[in-house]
Structure formats: C-alpha cells, structure tokens
C-alpha atoms as a PDB file:
ATOM      1  CA  MET A   1       0.000   0.000   0.000  1.00  0.00           C
ATOM      2  CA  LEU A   2       1.203   3.479  -0.805  1.00  0.00           C
ATOM      3  CA  TRP A   3       1.095   6.628   1.218  1.00  0.00           C
ATOM      4  CA  SER A   4      -1.934   8.899   0.750  1.00  0.00           C
ATOM      5  CA  LYS A   5      -2.098  12.667   0.837  1.00  0.00           C
ATOM      6  CA  VAL A   6      -4.888  15.189   1.234  1.00  0.00           C
ATOM      7  CA  ILE A   7      -4.280  18.772   0.196  1.00  0.00           C
ATOM      8  CA  ILE A   8      -6.402  21.418   1.905  1.00  0.00           C
ATOM      9  CA  GLY A   9      -6.036  25.130   1.255  1.00  0.00           C
ATOM     10  CA  THR A  10      -5.306  27.683   3.945  1.00  0.00           C
ATOM     11  CA  THR A  11      -8.471  29.763   3.944  1.00  0.00           C
ATOM     12  CA  LYS A  12     -10.567  29.683   7.109  1.00  0.00           C
ATOM     13  CA  LEU A  13     -13.230  27.523   5.468  1.00  0.00           C
ATOM     14  CA  GLU A  14     -10.617  25.119   4.148  1.00  0.00           C
ATOM     15  CA  ALA A  15      -8.961  24.962   7.578  1.00  0.00           C
ATOM     16  CA  ILE A  16     -12.284  23.661   8.896  1.00  0.00           C
ATOM     17  CA  SER A  17     -11.977  20.846   6.355  1.00  0.00           C
ATOM     18  CA  GLY A  18      -8.582  19.943   7.817  1.00  0.00           C
ATOM     19  CA  SER A  19     -10.125  19.708  11.268  1.00  0.00           C
ATOM     20  CA  ALA A  20     -12.998  17.656   9.870  1.00  0.00           C
ATOM     21  CA  LEU A  21     -10.525  15.265   8.261  1.00  0.00           C
ATOM     22  CA  MET A  22      -8.792  14.552  11.542  1.00  0.00           C
ATOM     23  CA  ASN A  23     -12.070  14.511  13.499  1.00  0.00           C
ATOM     24  CA  LYS A  24     -13.264  11.718  11.211  1.00  0.00           C
ATOM     25  CA  PHE A  25      -9.974   9.833  11.324  1.00  0.00           C
ATOM     26  CA  ALA A  26      -9.607   9.807  15.133  1.00  0.00           C
ATOM     27  CA  PRO A  27     -12.610   7.509  15.841  1.00  0.00           C
ATOM     28  CA  ALA A  28     -11.592   5.150  13.031  1.00  0.00           C
ATOM     29  CA  PHE A  29      -8.077   5.047  14.490  1.00  0.00           C
ATOM     30  CA  ARG A  30      -9.441   4.225  17.950  1.00  0.00           C
ATOM     31  CA  ALA A  31     -11.801   1.587  16.517  1.00  0.00           C
ATOM     32  CA  ALA A  32      -8.809  -0.059  14.823  1.00  0.00           C
ATOM     33  CA  GLY A  33      -7.127  -0.401  18.221  1.00  0.00           C
ATOM     34  CA  MET A  34      -4.854   2.655  17.899  1.00  0.00           C
ATOM     35  CA  PRO A  35      -2.100   0.790  16.040  1.00  0.00           C
ATOM     36  CA  GLN A  36       1.324   2.295  16.701  1.00  0.00           C
ATOM     37  CA  ASP A  37       2.356   1.938  13.063  1.00  0.00           C
ATOM     38  CA  ALA A  38      -0.500   4.151  11.776  1.00  0.00           C
ATOM     39  CA  LYS A  39       0.838   7.702  11.432  1.00  0.00           C
ATOM     40  CA  VAL A  40      -0.446  10.963   9.990  1.00  0.00           C
ATOM     41  CA  TYR A  41       1.890  13.826   9.188  1.00  0.00           C
ATOM     42  CA  LEU A  42       1.283  17.450   8.274  1.00  0.00           C
ATOM     43  CA  ILE A  43       3.225  20.013   6.326  1.00  0.00           C
ATOM     44  CA  ASN A  44       2.032  23.598   6.196  1.00  0.00           C
ATOM     45  CA  SER A  45       2.902  25.939   3.381  1.00  0.00           C
ATOM     46  CA  THR A  46       1.632  29.407   2.645  1.00  0.00           C
ATOM     47  CA  SER A  47      -1.011  28.050   0.293  1.00  0.00           C
ATOM     48  CA  ASP A  48      -1.840  24.548   1.536  1.00  0.00           C
ATOM     49  CA  HIS A  49      -1.982  22.135   4.439  1.00  0.00           C
ATOM     50  CA  ILE A  50      -0.883  18.715   3.225  1.00  0.00           C
ATOM     51  CA  PHE A  51      -1.823  15.694   5.329  1.00  0.00           C
ATOM     52  CA  TYR A  52       0.170  12.525   4.686  1.00  0.00           C
ATOM     53  CA  PHE A  53      -1.210   9.164   5.813  1.00  0.00           C
ATOM     54  CA  ASN A  54       1.311   6.346   5.948  1.00  0.00           C
ATOM     55  CA  PRO A  55       0.221   2.980   4.532  1.00  0.00           C
ATOM     56  CA  ALA A  56      -1.168   1.699   7.863  1.00  0.00           C
ATOM     57  CA  ALA A  57      -3.154   4.910   8.421  1.00  0.00           C
ATOM     58  CA  SER A  58      -4.331   4.842   4.795  1.00  0.00           C
ATOM     59  CA  VAL A  59      -5.913   1.422   5.347  1.00  0.00           C
ATOM     60  CA  ILE A  60      -7.768   2.667   8.431  1.00  0.00           C
ATOM     61  CA  ALA A  61      -8.884   5.862   6.690  1.00  0.00           C
ATOM     62  CA  LYS A  62      -9.767   4.319   3.316  1.00  0.00           C
ATOM     63  CA  GLU A  63     -13.347   5.648   3.140  1.00  0.00           C
ATOM     64  CA  ILE A  64     -12.449   8.977   4.761  1.00  0.00           C
ATOM     65  CA  LEU A  65      -9.662   9.531   2.253  1.00  0.00           C
ATOM     66  CA  ILE A  66     -12.095   8.998  -0.605  1.00  0.00           C
ATOM     67  CA  ASP A  67     -14.390  11.669   0.872  1.00  0.00           C
ATOM     68  CA  PHE A  68     -11.476  14.122   1.022  1.00  0.00           C
ATOM     69  CA  ASN A  69     -10.211  13.393  -2.507  1.00  0.00           C
ATOM     70  CA  ALA A  70      -6.927  11.919  -1.348  1.00  0.00           C
ATOM     71  CA  THR A  71      -4.352  10.798  -3.844  1.00  0.00           C
ATOM     72  CA  THR A  72      -1.679   8.148  -3.458  1.00  0.00           C
ATOM     73  CA  CYS A  73       1.899   9.337  -3.363  1.00  0.00           C
ATOM     74  CA  GLU A  74       5.450   8.172  -2.933  1.00  0.00           C
ATOM     75  CA  ASP A  75       6.994   8.106   0.533  1.00  0.00           C
ATOM     76  CA  PRO A  76       7.444  11.728   1.607  1.00  0.00           C
ATOM     77  CA  ASN A  77      10.621  13.021   3.234  1.00  0.00           C
ATOM     78  CA  LEU A  78       9.712  12.694   6.917  1.00  0.00           C
ATOM     79  CA  ASP A  79      12.310  15.306   7.865  1.00  0.00           C
ATOM     80  CA  ASP A  80       9.982  17.938   6.394  1.00  0.00           C
ATOM     81  CA  LEU A  81       6.834  16.689   8.149  1.00  0.00           C
ATOM     82  CA  LYS A  82       5.292  17.200  11.557  1.00  0.00           C
ATOM     83  CA  PRO A  83       3.705  14.041  13.029  1.00  0.00           C
ATOM     84  CA  LEU A  84       0.196  14.645  14.319  1.00  0.00           C
ATOM     85  CA  LYS A  85      -0.921  13.403  17.696  1.00  0.00           C
ATOM     86  CA  ILE A  86      -4.096  11.422  17.147  1.00  0.00           C
END
C-alpha cells in the first residue's frame, strides 16, 4: 500500500476541512485499536496544508480519504513533516 495525501487550502473555510478530516480519522483510528504503526503527518505551506497518511493509516482511513479526494503518493521526506498526535 502506498502513502496517501490530502491537500487542503489555507483559507478559514478550508482549515475547517482539515479539522474535519482529523475529526473523522480519530474515531476510526481508535476503533482499529490505535495501532502504533498508523501515522499521519502534516506540512504547512503558505497556500496549503498537506496531510500525509502512511500505509497503515491509509488502510484505516480508506473511506475517509475517498471523501477528502486523497491521492496516493510516494513516501514523503519525513524530515519535512510534523507528526500529528491522534
């Protein structure tokens, strides 16, 4: 399984979408038993918030990622990313 990413703009309305994304993921993560290998990372730029879901998190969030128009991607450089506390 590949990594998945969701790109959300930085306007106030779009920021609400970022919160909604994580608010939907958190219960799915808990229901899956809070696996330690499931990680979500965030990188903020001036124009976008990019959420990266590692392969384990992508499996848990499969339906959620569809709702948020996620795309698959290559492994990101983790040095540039901030891990999110779920």
